Amino acid sequence: MASTSVTILLILISAALITVVLLQPGRSAGLSGSISGGAEQLMGKQKARGVEAFLAKTTVVLAVMFFICTILLAYILQ
């Protein structure tokens, strides 16, 4: 019973994680953007605002939940 509920929760989290990742805007700026603009994004000068920040935080939360559920399911099935 516990493995079934964790599996269903894992499927729901996986679908939500896929959706949130696909909703995020692309960061491709070509070759010049990767040379000059990549360092600025890495150092945090350009911070995401609004919806982008929400999607980034949601991605992190869902990823952590995904790993926790995966480890929990592996422990239950062992």
PDB file of N, CA and C in Angstrom:
ATOM      1  N   MET A   1       0.828  -1.199   0.000  1.00  0.00           N
ATOM      2  CA  MET A   1       0.000   0.000   0.000  1.00  0.00           C
ATOM      3  C   MET A   1       0.870   1.259   0.000  1.00  0.00           C
ATOM      4  N   ALA A   2       1.940   1.242   0.796  1.00  0.00           N
ATOM      5  CA  ALA A   2       2.817   2.412   0.869  1.00  0.00           C
ATOM      6  C   ALA A   2       3.565   2.612  -0.438  1.00  0.00           C
ATOM      7  N   SER A   3       3.985   1.516  -1.053  1.00  0.00           N
ATOM      8  CA  SER A   3       4.721   1.655  -2.312  1.00  0.00           C
ATOM      9  C   SER A   3       3.825   2.188  -3.420  1.00  0.00           C
ATOM     10  N   THR A   4       2.562   1.825  -3.399  1.00  0.00           N
ATOM     11  CA  THR A   4       1.626   2.330  -4.410  1.00  0.00           C
ATOM     12  C   THR A   4       1.420   3.835  -4.253  1.00  0.00           C
ATOM     13  N   SER A   5       1.261   4.296  -3.035  1.00  0.00           N
ATOM     14  CA  SER A   5       1.041   5.727  -2.827  1.00  0.00           C
ATOM     15  C   SER A   5       2.293   6.539  -3.152  1.00  0.00           C
ATOM     16  N   VAL A   6       3.466   6.022  -2.814  1.00  0.00           N
ATOM     17  CA  VAL A   6       4.708   6.726  -3.149  1.00  0.00           C
ATOM     18  C   VAL A   6       4.923   6.728  -4.658  1.00  0.00           C
ATOM     19  N   THR A   7       4.563   5.648  -5.328  1.00  0.00           N
ATOM     20  CA  THR A   7       4.689   5.590  -6.788  1.00  0.00           C
ATOM     21  C   THR A   7       3.770   6.603  -7.459  1.00  0.00           C
ATOM     22  N   ILE A   8       2.547   6.698  -6.977  1.00  0.00           N
ATOM     23  CA  ILE A   8       1.613   7.676  -7.545  1.00  0.00           C
ATOM     24  C   ILE A   8       2.115   9.092  -7.301  1.00  0.00           C
ATOM     25  N   LEU A   9       2.630   9.349  -6.091  1.00  0.00           N
ATOM     26  CA  LEU A   9       3.190  10.664  -5.784  1.00  0.00           C
ATOM     27  C   LEU A   9       4.394  10.962  -6.663  1.00  0.00           C
ATOM     28  N   LEU A  10       5.229   9.963  -6.910  1.00  0.00           N
ATOM     29  CA  LEU A  10       6.403  10.134  -7.771  1.00  0.00           C
ATOM     30  C   LEU A  10       5.999  10.454  -9.204  1.00  0.00           C
ATOM     31  N   ILE A  11       4.956   9.820  -9.704  1.00  0.00           N
ATOM     32  CA  ILE A  11       4.465  10.100 -11.057  1.00  0.00           C
ATOM     33  C   ILE A  11       3.937  11.527 -11.152  1.00  0.00           C
ATOM     34  N   LEU A  12       3.201  11.960 -10.135  1.00  0.00           N
ATOM     35  CA  LEU A  12       2.668  13.328 -10.142  1.00  0.00           C
ATOM     36  C   LEU A  12       3.786  14.365 -10.068  1.00  0.00           C
ATOM     37  N   ILE A  13       4.775  14.112  -9.226  1.00  0.00           N
ATOM     38  CA  ILE A  13       5.909  15.032  -9.124  1.00  0.00           C
ATOM     39  C   ILE A  13       6.693  15.062 -10.428  1.00  0.00           C
ATOM     40  N   SER A  14       6.863  13.912 -11.059  1.00  0.00           N
ATOM     41  CA  SER A  14       7.585  13.848 -12.337  1.00  0.00           C
ATOM     42  C   SER A  14       6.876  14.657 -13.412  1.00  0.00           C
ATOM     43  N   ALA A  15       5.554  14.519 -13.497  1.00  0.00           N
ATOM     44  CA  ALA A  15       4.795  15.277 -14.493  1.00  0.00           C
ATOM     45  C   ALA A  15       4.876  16.773 -14.211  1.00  0.00           C
ATOM     46  N   ALA A  16       4.804  17.159 -12.942  1.00  0.00           N
ATOM     47  CA  ALA A  16       4.908  18.572 -12.591  1.00  0.00           C
ATOM     48  C   ALA A  16       6.298  19.113 -12.893  1.00  0.00           C
ATOM     49  N   LEU A  17       7.327  18.318 -12.626  1.00  0.00           N
ATOM     50  CA  LEU A  17       8.702  18.747 -12.894  1.00  0.00           C
ATOM     51  C   LEU A  17       8.949  18.933 -14.384  1.00  0.00           C
ATOM     52  N   ILE A  18       8.453  18.016 -15.187  1.00  0.00           N
ATOM     53  CA  ILE A  18       8.582  18.139 -16.641  1.00  0.00           C
ATOM     54  C   ILE A  18       7.871  19.395 -17.130  1.00  0.00           C
ATOM     55  N   THR A  19       6.670  19.650 -16.614  1.00  0.00           N
ATOM     56  CA  THR A  19       5.906  20.821 -17.029  1.00  0.00           C
ATOM     57  C   THR A  19       6.622  22.113 -16.660  1.00  0.00           C
ATOM     58  N   VAL A  20       7.143  22.193 -15.444  1.00  0.00           N
ATOM     59  CA  VAL A  20       7.814  23.412 -14.989  1.00  0.00           C
ATOM     60  C   VAL A  20       9.092  23.658 -15.782  1.00  0.00           C
ATOM     61  N   VAL A  21       9.833  22.608 -16.083  1.00  0.00           N
ATOM     62  CA  VAL A  21      11.066  22.766 -16.870  1.00  0.00           C
ATOM     63  C   VAL A  21      10.742  23.234 -18.285  1.00  0.00           C
ATOM     64  N   LEU A  22       9.687  22.692 -18.871  1.00  0.00           N
ATOM     65  CA  LEU A  22       9.327  23.103 -20.230  1.00  0.00           C
ATOM     66  C   LEU A  22       8.765  24.514 -20.283  1.00  0.00           C
ATOM     67  N   LEU A  23       8.222  25.019 -19.196  1.00  0.00           N
ATOM     68  CA  LEU A  23       7.699  26.387 -19.160  1.00  0.00           C
ATOM     69  C   LEU A  23       8.792  27.437 -19.048  1.00  0.00           C
ATOM     70  N   GLN A  24       9.978  27.049 -18.640  1.00  0.00           N
ATOM     71  CA  GLN A  24      11.057  28.018 -18.475  1.00  0.00           C
ATOM     72  C   GLN A  24      11.560  28.492 -19.833  1.00  0.00           C
ATOM     73  N   PRO A  25      11.899  29.781 -19.922  1.00  0.00           N
ATOM     74  CA  PRO A  25      12.401  30.303 -21.203  1.00  0.00           C
ATOM     75  C   PRO A  25      13.808  29.792 -21.485  1.00  0.00           C
ATOM     76  N   GLY A  26      14.142  29.707 -22.769  1.00  0.00           N
ATOM     77  CA  GLY A  26      15.468  29.260 -23.160  1.00  0.00           C
ATOM     78  C   GLY A  26      16.512  30.309 -22.861  1.00  0.00           C
ATOM     79  N   ARG A  27      17.737  29.897 -22.659  1.00  0.00           N
ATOM     80  CA  ARG A  27      18.806  30.825 -22.332  1.00  0.00           C
ATOM     81  C   ARG A  27      19.859  30.867 -23.445  1.00  0.00           C
ATOM     82  N   SER A  28      19.500  30.483 -24.624  1.00  0.00           N
ATOM     83  CA  SER A  28      20.475  30.471 -25.707  1.00  0.00           C
ATOM     84  C   SER A  28      20.630  31.872 -26.282  1.00  0.00           C
ATOM     85  N   ALA A  29      21.851  32.343 -26.307  1.00  0.00           N
ATOM     86  CA  ALA A  29      22.140  33.668 -26.845  1.00  0.00           C
ATOM     87  C   ALA A  29      23.184  33.586 -27.949  1.00  0.00           C
ATOM     88  N   GLY A  30      23.435  32.400 -28.453  1.00  0.00           N
ATOM     89  CA  GLY A  30      24.421  32.248 -29.502  1.00  0.00           C
ATOM     90  C   GLY A  30      25.834  32.173 -28.946  1.00  0.00           C
ATOM     91  N   LEU A  31      26.800  32.203 -29.845  1.00  0.00           N
ATOM     92  CA  LEU A  31      28.196  32.072 -29.445  1.00  0.00           C
ATOM     93  C   LEU A  31      28.679  33.292 -28.674  1.00  0.00           C
ATOM     94  N   SER A  32      28.287  34.477 -29.091  1.00  0.00           N
ATOM     95  CA  SER A  32      28.743  35.679 -28.397  1.00  0.00           C
ATOM     96  C   SER A  32      28.150  35.771 -26.995  1.00  0.00           C
ATOM     97  N   GLY A  33      26.923  35.343 -26.831  1.00  0.00           N
ATOM     98  CA  GLY A  33      26.313  35.364 -25.509  1.00  0.00           C
ATOM     99  C   GLY A  33      26.941  34.363 -24.565  1.00  0.00           C
ATOM    100  N   SER A  34      27.417  33.250 -25.126  1.00  0.00           N
ATOM    101  CA  SER A  34      28.032  32.250 -24.260  1.00  0.00           C
ATOM    102  C   SER A  34      29.404  32.690 -23.790  1.00  0.00           C
ATOM    103  N   ILE A  35      30.075  33.513 -24.582  1.00  0.00           N
ATOM    104  CA  ILE A  35      31.409  33.976 -24.180  1.00  0.00           C
ATOM    105  C   ILE A  35      31.315  35.147 -23.208  1.00  0.00           C
ATOM    106  N   SER A  36      30.528  36.153 -23.557  1.00  0.00           N
ATOM    107  CA  SER A  36      30.486  37.344 -22.707  1.00  0.00           C
ATOM    108  C   SER A  36      29.379  37.298 -21.669  1.00  0.00           C
ATOM    109  N   GLY A  37      28.185  36.878 -22.053  1.00  0.00           N
ATOM    110  CA  GLY A  37      27.052  36.916 -21.130  1.00  0.00           C
ATOM    111  C   GLY A  37      27.002  35.764 -20.167  1.00  0.00           C
ATOM    112  N   GLY A  38      27.693  34.684 -20.469  1.00  0.00           N
ATOM    113  CA  GLY A  38      27.660  33.536 -19.582  1.00  0.00           C
ATOM    114  C   GLY A  38      28.309  33.807 -18.243  1.00  0.00           C
ATOM    115  N   ALA A  39      29.367  34.601 -18.253  1.00  0.00           N
ATOM    116  CA  ALA A  39      30.040  34.920 -16.999  1.00  0.00           C
ATOM    117  C   ALA A  39      29.165  35.804 -16.120  1.00  0.00           C
ATOM    118  N   GLU A  40      28.425  36.707 -16.730  1.00  0.00           N
ATOM    119  CA  GLU A  40      27.548  37.582 -15.952  1.00  0.00           C
ATOM    120  C   GLU A  40      26.424  36.789 -15.295  1.00  0.00           C
ATOM    121  N   GLN A  41      25.858  35.831 -16.004  1.00  0.00           N
ATOM    122  CA  GLN A  41      24.812  35.012 -15.412  1.00  0.00           C
ATOM    123  C   GLN A  41      25.374  34.113 -14.321  1.00  0.00           C
ATOM    124  N   LEU A  42      26.599  33.652 -14.503  1.00  0.00           N
ATOM    125  CA  LEU A  42      27.215  32.775 -13.521  1.00  0.00           C
ATOM    126  C   LEU A  42      27.498  33.526 -12.220  1.00  0.00           C
ATOM    127  N   MET A  43      27.918  34.752 -12.326  1.00  0.00           N
ATOM    128  CA  MET A  43      28.248  35.540 -11.142  1.00  0.00           C
ATOM    129  C   MET A  43      27.016  36.165 -10.484  1.00  0.00           C
ATOM    130  N   GLY A  44      25.860  36.068 -11.107  1.00  0.00           N
ATOM    131  CA  GLY A  44      24.639  36.526 -10.472  1.00  0.00           C
ATOM    132  C   GLY A  44      24.293  37.977 -10.692  1.00  0.00           C
ATOM    133  N   LYS A  45      24.873  38.618 -11.701  1.00  0.00           N
ATOM    134  CA  LYS A  45      24.535  40.017 -11.955  1.00  0.00           C
ATOM    135  C   LYS A  45      23.155  40.151 -12.574  1.00  0.00           C
ATOM    136  N   GLN A  46      22.732  39.155 -13.328  1.00  0.00           N
ATOM    137  CA  GLN A  46      21.410  39.169 -13.933  1.00  0.00           C
ATOM    138  C   GLN A  46      20.548  38.171 -13.181  1.00  0.00           C
ATOM    139  N   LYS A  47      19.729  38.673 -12.288  1.00  0.00           N
ATOM    140  CA  LYS A  47      18.874  37.787 -11.507  1.00  0.00           C
ATOM    141  C   LYS A  47      17.512  37.680 -12.161  1.00  0.00           C
ATOM    142  N   ALA A  48      16.941  36.493 -12.050  1.00  0.00           N
ATOM    143  CA  ALA A  48      15.614  36.273 -12.610  1.00  0.00           C
ATOM    144  C   ALA A  48      14.572  36.969 -11.740  1.00  0.00           C
ATOM    145  N   ARG A  49      13.551  37.489 -12.389  1.00  0.00           N
ATOM    146  CA  ARG A  49      12.496  38.197 -11.666  1.00  0.00           C
ATOM    147  C   ARG A  49      11.145  37.652 -12.085  1.00  0.00           C
ATOM    148  N   GLY A  50      10.196  37.784 -11.213  1.00  0.00           N
ATOM    149  CA  GLY A  50       8.820  37.442 -11.538  1.00  0.00           C
ATOM    150  C   GLY A  50       8.606  35.971 -11.767  1.00  0.00           C
ATOM    151  N   VAL A  51       8.048  35.668 -12.936  1.00  0.00           N
ATOM    152  CA  VAL A  51       7.681  34.293 -13.263  1.00  0.00           C
ATOM    153  C   VAL A  51       8.919  33.409 -13.389  1.00  0.00           C
ATOM    154  N   GLU A  52       9.989  33.948 -13.936  1.00  0.00           N
ATOM    155  CA  GLU A  52      11.213  33.141 -14.089  1.00  0.00           C
ATOM    156  C   GLU A  52      11.770  32.713 -12.737  1.00  0.00           C
ATOM    157  N   ALA A  53      11.745  33.609 -11.762  1.00  0.00           N
ATOM    158  CA  ALA A  53      12.235  33.268 -10.426  1.00  0.00           C
ATOM    159  C   ALA A  53      11.334  32.218  -9.778  1.00  0.00           C
ATOM    160  N   PHE A  54      10.031  32.362  -9.965  1.00  0.00           N
ATOM    161  CA  PHE A  54       9.088  31.387  -9.412  1.00  0.00           C
ATOM    162  C   PHE A  54       9.307  30.016 -10.035  1.00  0.00           C
ATOM    163  N   LEU A  55       9.487  29.964 -11.352  1.00  0.00           N
ATOM    164  CA  LEU A  55       9.704  28.692 -12.026  1.00  0.00           C
ATOM    165  C   LEU A  55      11.024  28.053 -11.590  1.00  0.00           C
ATOM    166  N   ALA A  56      12.054  28.867 -11.384  1.00  0.00           N
ATOM    167  CA  ALA A  56      13.346  28.334 -10.946  1.00  0.00           C
ATOM    168  C   ALA A  56      13.241  27.746  -9.544  1.00  0.00           C
ATOM    169  N   LYS A  57      12.571  28.445  -8.646  1.00  0.00           N
ATOM    170  CA  LYS A  57      12.412  27.939  -7.282  1.00  0.00           C
ATOM    171  C   LYS A  57      11.540  26.687  -7.259  1.00  0.00           C
ATOM    172  N   THR A  58      10.488  26.688  -8.080  1.00  0.00           N
ATOM    173  CA  THR A  58       9.604  25.524  -8.151  1.00  0.00           C
ATOM    174  C   THR A  58      10.353  24.314  -8.689  1.00  0.00           C
ATOM    175  N   THR A  59      11.238  24.529  -9.646  1.00  0.00           N
ATOM    176  CA  THR A  59      12.035  23.435 -10.197  1.00  0.00           C
ATOM    177  C   THR A  59      12.913  22.809  -9.121  1.00  0.00           C
ATOM    178  N   VAL A  60      13.537  23.637  -8.314  1.00  0.00           N
ATOM    179  CA  VAL A  60      14.405  23.119  -7.251  1.00  0.00           C
ATOM    180  C   VAL A  60      13.591  22.321  -6.233  1.00  0.00           C
ATOM    181  N   VAL A  61      12.440  22.849  -5.834  1.00  0.00           N
ATOM    182  CA  VAL A  61      11.604  22.162  -4.848  1.00  0.00           C
ATOM    183  C   VAL A  61      11.112  20.826  -5.397  1.00  0.00           C
ATOM    184  N   LEU A  62      10.650  20.823  -6.637  1.00  0.00           N
ATOM    185  CA  LEU A  62      10.160  19.574  -7.230  1.00  0.00           C
ATOM    186  C   LEU A  62      11.282  18.563  -7.427  1.00  0.00           C
ATOM    187  N   ALA A  63      12.477  19.036  -7.765  1.00  0.00           N
ATOM    188  CA  ALA A  63      13.608  18.117  -7.931  1.00  0.00           C
ATOM    189  C   ALA A  63      13.983  17.463  -6.603  1.00  0.00           C
ATOM    190  N   VAL A  64      13.977  18.240  -5.534  1.00  0.00           N
ATOM    191  CA  VAL A  64      14.280  17.682  -4.214  1.00  0.00           C
ATOM    192  C   VAL A  64      13.211  16.667  -3.821  1.00  0.00           C
ATOM    193  N   MET A  65      11.952  17.004  -4.050  1.00  0.00           N
ATOM    194  CA  MET A  65      10.864  16.076  -3.746  1.00  0.00           C
ATOM    195  C   MET A  65      10.980  14.799  -4.579  1.00  0.00           C
ATOM    196  N   PHE A  66      11.386  14.942  -5.836  1.00  0.00           N
ATOM    197  CA  PHE A  66      11.563  13.785  -6.713  1.00  0.00           C
ATOM    198  C   PHE A  66      12.618  12.838  -6.151  1.00  0.00           C
ATOM    199  N   PHE A  67      13.766  13.387  -5.747  1.00  0.00           N
ATOM    200  CA  PHE A  67      14.834  12.541  -5.217  1.00  0.00           C
ATOM    201  C   PHE A  67      14.441  11.899  -3.895  1.00  0.00           C
ATOM    202  N   ILE A  68      13.744  12.632  -3.045  1.00  0.00           N
ATOM    203  CA  ILE A  68      13.308  12.060  -1.778  1.00  0.00           C
ATOM    204  C   ILE A  68      12.337  10.911  -2.007  1.00  0.00           C
ATOM    205  N   CYS A  69      11.374  11.110  -2.912  1.00  0.00           N
ATOM    206  CA  CYS A  69      10.410  10.048  -3.200  1.00  0.00           C
ATOM    207  C   CYS A  69      11.074   8.845  -3.854  1.00  0.00           C
ATOM    208  N   THR A  70      12.062   9.089  -4.701  1.00  0.00           N
ATOM    209  CA  THR A  70      12.767   7.986  -5.351  1.00  0.00           C
ATOM    210  C   THR A  70      13.544   7.157  -4.330  1.00  0.00           C
ATOM    211  N   ILE A  71      14.236   7.828  -3.428  1.00  0.00           N
ATOM    212  CA  ILE A  71      14.988   7.109  -2.392  1.00  0.00           C
ATOM    213  C   ILE A  71      14.029   6.373  -1.457  1.00  0.00           C
ATOM    214  N   LEU A  72      12.922   7.019  -1.110  1.00  0.00           N
ATOM    215  CA  LEU A  72      11.930   6.387  -0.250  1.00  0.00           C
ATOM    216  C   LEU A  72      11.333   5.144  -0.906  1.00  0.00           C
ATOM    217  N   LEU A  73      11.032   5.228  -2.191  1.00  0.00           N
ATOM    218  CA  LEU A  73      10.473   4.088  -2.907  1.00  0.00           C
ATOM    219  C   LEU A  73      11.488   2.943  -2.990  1.00  0.00           C
ATOM    220  N   ALA A  74      12.747   3.274  -3.216  1.00  0.00           N
ATOM    221  CA  ALA A  74      13.779   2.229  -3.264  1.00  0.00           C
ATOM    222  C   ALA A  74      13.929   1.568  -1.896  1.00  0.00           C
ATOM    223  N   TYR A  75      13.809   2.344  -0.838  1.00  0.00           N
ATOM    224  CA  TYR A  75      13.901   1.776   0.517  1.00  0.00           C
ATOM    225  C   TYR A  75      12.691   0.882   0.828  1.00  0.00           C
ATOM    226  N   ILE A  76      11.503   1.296   0.397  1.00  0.00           N
ATOM    227  CA  ILE A  76      10.298   0.515   0.652  1.00  0.00           C
ATOM    228  C   ILE A  76      10.335  -0.808  -0.122  1.00  0.00           C
ATOM    229  N   LEU A  77      10.785  -0.782  -1.366  1.00  0.00           N
ATOM    230  CA  LEU A  77      10.784  -1.971  -2.208  1.00  0.00           C
ATOM    231  C   LEU A  77      11.926  -2.925  -1.906  1.00  0.00           C
ATOM    232  N   GLN A  78      12.861  -2.503  -1.102  1.00  0.00           N
ATOM    233  CA  GLN A  78      14.018  -3.345  -0.817  1.00  0.00           C
ATOM    234  C   GLN A  78      13.680  -4.469   0.096  1.00  0.00           C
TER     235      GLN A  78
END
